[in-house]
Amino acid sequence: MKGKLVLFWQSYGPPLEAVGIILLLVGNTYMKHSAAFKGIAIAYWVICLALYIITAQSYRKMRFWLFLVLGLILAVNQLFQLIDTVG
């Protein structure tokens, strides 16, 4: 099973990561008051991050660090906005 997951992530990982970052950016700029969209964007980023860590043998590449740092900044910002929106 892990072999299929690695092949899937090597093939489709970069576009899926880009979608995750785009979701975070849209949630951070245009959907500031949508708790559902922010929750989906944060969950999608966390799933992509978990898949990236599980499947990549040498995941410490520039793409990973860019995805991690940019996504972490956006996800934390959205998490605070989500808490503010819900609470």
N, C-alpha and C. Protein backbone atom coordinates (compact mmCIF):
# COMPACT_ATOMS: atom_id res chain seq x y z
N MET A 1 0.82 -1.19 0.00
CA MET A 1 0.00 0.00 0.00
C MET A 1 0.87 1.25 0.00
N LYS A 2 1.94 1.25 0.79
CA LYS A 2 2.79 2.43 0.86
C LYS A 2 3.45 2.71 -0.48
N GLY A 3 3.78 1.66 -1.24
CA GLY A 3 4.39 1.85 -2.55
C GLY A 3 3.46 2.58 -3.52
N LYS A 4 2.17 2.24 -3.46
CA LYS A 4 1.19 2.92 -4.32
C LYS A 4 1.01 4.37 -3.89
N LEU A 5 1.04 4.59 -2.60
CA LEU A 5 0.90 5.95 -2.09
C LEU A 5 2.10 6.81 -2.49
N VAL A 6 3.29 6.24 -2.42
CA VAL A 6 4.50 6.96 -2.83
C VAL A 6 4.43 7.30 -4.32
N LEU A 7 4.03 6.35 -5.15
CA LEU A 7 3.91 6.61 -6.59
C LEU A 7 2.85 7.66 -6.87
N PHE A 8 1.73 7.59 -6.16
CA PHE A 8 0.67 8.59 -6.34
C PHE A 8 1.18 9.97 -5.97
N TRP A 9 1.85 10.09 -4.82
CA TRP A 9 2.30 11.40 -4.37
C TRP A 9 3.43 11.94 -5.24
N GLN A 10 4.29 11.07 -5.75
CA GLN A 10 5.34 11.55 -6.65
C GLN A 10 4.75 12.06 -7.95
N SER A 11 3.66 11.46 -8.40
CA SER A 11 3.02 11.89 -9.65
C SER A 11 2.16 13.12 -9.47
N TYR A 12 1.34 13.12 -8.43
CA TYR A 12 0.33 14.17 -8.28
C TYR A 12 0.58 15.11 -7.11
N GLY A 13 1.65 14.93 -6.40
CA GLY A 13 1.93 15.75 -5.23
C GLY A 13 2.07 17.24 -5.49
N PRO A 14 2.93 17.65 -6.43
CA PRO A 14 3.10 19.10 -6.65
C PRO A 14 1.83 19.84 -7.04
N PRO A 15 0.98 19.31 -7.94
CA PRO A 15 -0.26 20.05 -8.21
C PRO A 15 -1.20 20.09 -7.00
N LEU A 16 -1.23 19.00 -6.23
CA LEU A 16 -2.08 18.99 -5.04
C LEU A 16 -1.57 19.96 -3.98
N GLU A 17 -0.26 20.09 -3.85
CA GLU A 17 0.32 21.07 -2.93
C GLU A 17 -0.05 22.48 -3.36
N ALA A 18 0.02 22.72 -4.67
CA ALA A 18 -0.32 24.05 -5.19
C ALA A 18 -1.78 24.38 -4.89
N VAL A 19 -2.66 23.40 -5.04
CA VAL A 19 -4.08 23.62 -4.72
C VAL A 19 -4.23 23.95 -3.24
N GLY A 20 -3.48 23.28 -2.38
CA GLY A 20 -3.55 23.56 -0.95
C GLY A 20 -3.11 24.97 -0.62
N ILE A 21 -2.02 25.42 -1.22
CA ILE A 21 -1.54 26.78 -0.98
C ILE A 21 -2.55 27.79 -1.53
N ILE A 22 -3.12 27.51 -2.70
CA ILE A 22 -4.12 28.42 -3.28
C ILE A 22 -5.35 28.50 -2.38
N LEU A 23 -5.80 27.36 -1.86
CA LEU A 23 -6.93 27.37 -0.92
C LEU A 23 -6.63 28.22 0.31
N LEU A 24 -5.41 28.09 0.83
CA LEU A 24 -5.03 28.88 1.99
C LEU A 24 -4.99 30.37 1.65
N LEU A 25 -4.45 30.70 0.47
CA LEU A 25 -4.39 32.10 0.06
C LEU A 25 -5.79 32.69 -0.14
N VAL A 26 -6.67 31.93 -0.78
CA VAL A 26 -8.04 32.41 -0.99
C VAL A 26 -8.76 32.56 0.35
N GLY A 27 -8.58 31.61 1.22
CA GLY A 27 -9.19 31.70 2.54
C GLY A 27 -8.65 32.85 3.36
N ASN A 28 -7.40 33.20 3.11
CA ASN A 28 -6.77 34.28 3.86
C ASN A 28 -7.15 35.65 3.32
N THR A 29 -7.53 35.73 2.05
CA THR A 29 -7.80 37.04 1.46
C THR A 29 -9.28 37.27 1.19
N TYR A 30 -9.92 36.36 0.45
CA TYR A 30 -11.29 36.60 0.01
C TYR A 30 -12.35 36.01 0.92
N MET A 31 -12.05 34.95 1.58
CA MET A 31 -13.05 34.24 2.39
C MET A 31 -12.77 34.43 3.88
N LYS A 32 -12.51 35.65 4.31
CA LYS A 32 -12.13 35.90 5.69
C LYS A 32 -13.23 35.57 6.70
N HIS A 33 -14.46 35.59 6.27
CA HIS A 33 -15.57 35.37 7.21
C HIS A 33 -16.24 34.02 7.03
N SER A 34 -15.64 33.12 6.26
CA SER A 34 -16.21 31.80 6.04
C SER A 34 -15.47 30.76 6.86
N ALA A 35 -16.09 30.35 7.94
CA ALA A 35 -15.46 29.37 8.82
C ALA A 35 -15.33 28.01 8.13
N ALA A 36 -16.32 27.65 7.33
CA ALA A 36 -16.27 26.35 6.64
C ALA A 36 -15.12 26.31 5.64
N PHE A 37 -14.95 27.36 4.86
CA PHE A 37 -13.87 27.38 3.87
C PHE A 37 -12.52 27.33 4.56
N LYS A 38 -12.36 28.09 5.62
CA LYS A 38 -11.09 28.09 6.36
C LYS A 38 -10.79 26.71 6.94
N GLY A 39 -11.82 26.06 7.50
CA GLY A 39 -11.63 24.72 8.04
C GLY A 39 -11.22 23.72 6.97
N ILE A 40 -11.85 23.81 5.81
CA ILE A 40 -11.49 22.91 4.69
C ILE A 40 -10.08 23.18 4.22
N ALA A 41 -9.70 24.46 4.08
CA ALA A 41 -8.36 24.81 3.60
C ALA A 41 -7.28 24.33 4.57
N ILE A 42 -7.51 24.52 5.85
CA ILE A 42 -6.53 24.08 6.86
C ILE A 42 -6.43 22.56 6.87
N ALA A 43 -7.56 21.88 6.82
CA ALA A 43 -7.55 20.41 6.81
C ALA A 43 -6.85 19.87 5.57
N TYR A 44 -7.10 20.48 4.42
CA TYR A 44 -6.46 20.05 3.18
C TYR A 44 -4.95 20.22 3.28
N TRP A 45 -4.49 21.33 3.83
CA TRP A 45 -3.05 21.57 3.98
C TRP A 45 -2.43 20.55 4.92
N VAL A 46 -3.11 20.25 6.01
CA VAL A 46 -2.58 19.27 6.97
C VAL A 46 -2.50 17.88 6.34
N ILE A 47 -3.52 17.50 5.56
CA ILE A 47 -3.50 16.20 4.88
C ILE A 47 -2.36 16.13 3.88
N CYS A 48 -2.17 17.20 3.09
CA CYS A 48 -1.06 17.23 2.13
C CYS A 48 0.28 17.14 2.85
N LEU A 49 0.42 17.84 3.95
CA LEU A 49 1.66 17.80 4.71
C LEU A 49 1.92 16.40 5.24
N ALA A 50 0.90 15.76 5.78
CA ALA A 50 1.06 14.40 6.30
C ALA A 50 1.43 13.43 5.17
N LEU A 51 0.76 13.53 4.04
CA LEU A 51 1.10 12.68 2.90
C LEU A 51 2.52 12.94 2.42
N TYR A 52 2.92 14.18 2.40
CA TYR A 52 4.27 14.53 1.96
C TYR A 52 5.31 13.89 2.88
N ILE A 53 5.10 13.99 4.17
CA ILE A 53 6.06 13.44 5.13
C ILE A 53 6.07 11.92 5.09
N ILE A 54 4.90 11.30 4.96
CA ILE A 54 4.81 9.84 4.94
C ILE A 54 5.46 9.25 3.70
N THR A 55 5.24 9.87 2.55
CA THR A 55 5.61 9.22 1.29
C THR A 55 6.97 9.60 0.75
N ALA A 56 7.47 10.77 1.04
CA ALA A 56 8.72 11.22 0.42
C ALA A 56 9.93 10.62 1.14
N GLN A 57 10.83 10.04 0.34
CA GLN A 57 12.04 9.49 0.94
C GLN A 57 13.01 10.60 1.33
N SER A 58 13.26 11.51 0.42
CA SER A 58 14.12 12.65 0.73
C SER A 58 13.30 13.91 0.54
N TYR A 59 12.49 14.21 1.54
CA TYR A 59 11.51 15.28 1.40
C TYR A 59 12.08 16.66 1.72
N ARG A 60 13.32 16.75 2.12
CA ARG A 60 13.87 18.05 2.46
C ARG A 60 14.44 18.74 1.23
N LYS A 61 13.55 19.05 0.34
CA LYS A 61 13.90 19.78 -0.87
C LYS A 61 13.31 21.18 -0.74
N MET A 62 13.70 22.05 -1.64
CA MET A 62 13.22 23.43 -1.59
C MET A 62 11.69 23.49 -1.67
N ARG A 63 11.10 22.64 -2.49
CA ARG A 63 9.65 22.63 -2.65
C ARG A 63 8.96 22.30 -1.33
N PHE A 64 9.50 21.33 -0.61
CA PHE A 64 8.91 20.96 0.68
C PHE A 64 8.99 22.11 1.67
N TRP A 65 10.16 22.74 1.77
CA TRP A 65 10.32 23.83 2.74
C TRP A 65 9.45 25.03 2.38
N LEU A 66 9.31 25.31 1.09
CA LEU A 66 8.42 26.39 0.66
C LEU A 66 6.98 26.06 1.04
N PHE A 67 6.57 24.84 0.74
CA PHE A 67 5.21 24.39 1.09
C PHE A 67 5.01 24.45 2.60
N LEU A 68 5.98 24.00 3.36
CA LEU A 68 5.86 23.96 4.81
C LEU A 68 5.79 25.36 5.40
N VAL A 69 6.73 26.22 5.04
CA VAL A 69 6.80 27.55 5.65
C VAL A 69 5.62 28.42 5.22
N LEU A 70 5.38 28.50 3.92
CA LEU A 70 4.28 29.32 3.43
C LEU A 70 2.94 28.79 3.94
N GLY A 71 2.76 27.49 3.88
CA GLY A 71 1.52 26.90 4.38
C GLY A 71 1.35 27.08 5.87
N LEU A 72 2.42 26.95 6.62
CA LEU A 72 2.33 27.11 8.07
C LEU A 72 1.95 28.54 8.44
N ILE A 73 2.55 29.51 7.77
CA ILE A 73 2.21 30.91 8.03
C ILE A 73 0.74 31.17 7.72
N LEU A 74 0.31 30.71 6.56
CA LEU A 74 -1.09 30.93 6.16
C LEU A 74 -2.06 30.15 7.04
N ALA A 75 -1.71 28.92 7.37
CA ALA A 75 -2.61 28.10 8.19
C ALA A 75 -2.75 28.66 9.60
N VAL A 76 -1.67 29.11 10.20
CA VAL A 76 -1.75 29.70 11.54
C VAL A 76 -2.58 30.98 11.51
N ASN A 77 -2.34 31.80 10.48
CA ASN A 77 -3.13 33.03 10.35
C ASN A 77 -4.61 32.70 10.19
N GLN A 78 -4.92 31.72 9.37
CA GLN A 78 -6.32 31.34 9.18
C GLN A 78 -6.91 30.71 10.43
N LEU A 79 -6.11 29.98 11.16
CA LEU A 79 -6.60 29.38 12.39
C LEU A 79 -7.02 30.46 13.38
N PHE A 80 -6.22 31.52 13.50
CA PHE A 80 -6.59 32.63 14.38
C PHE A 80 -7.85 33.34 13.87
N GLN A 81 -7.96 33.53 12.55
CA GLN A 81 -9.16 34.13 11.98
C GLN A 81 -10.37 33.22 12.19
N LEU A 82 -10.18 31.91 12.07
CA LEU A 82 -11.26 30.96 12.27
C LEU A 82 -11.75 30.99 13.71
N ILE A 83 -10.83 31.04 14.64
CA ILE A 83 -11.21 31.13 16.05
C ILE A 83 -11.95 32.42 16.32
N ASP A 84 -11.48 33.52 15.73
CA ASP A 84 -12.15 34.80 15.90
C ASP A 84 -13.54 34.81 15.28
N THR A 85 -13.69 34.15 14.11
CA THR A 85 -14.98 34.10 13.43
C THR A 85 -15.98 33.26 14.21
N VAL A 86 -15.54 32.11 14.69
CA VAL A 86 -16.45 31.20 15.40
C VAL A 86 -16.75 31.72 16.81
N GLY A 87 -15.72 32.23 17.46
CA GLY A 87 -15.88 32.63 18.86
C GLY A 87 -16.32 33.99 19.04
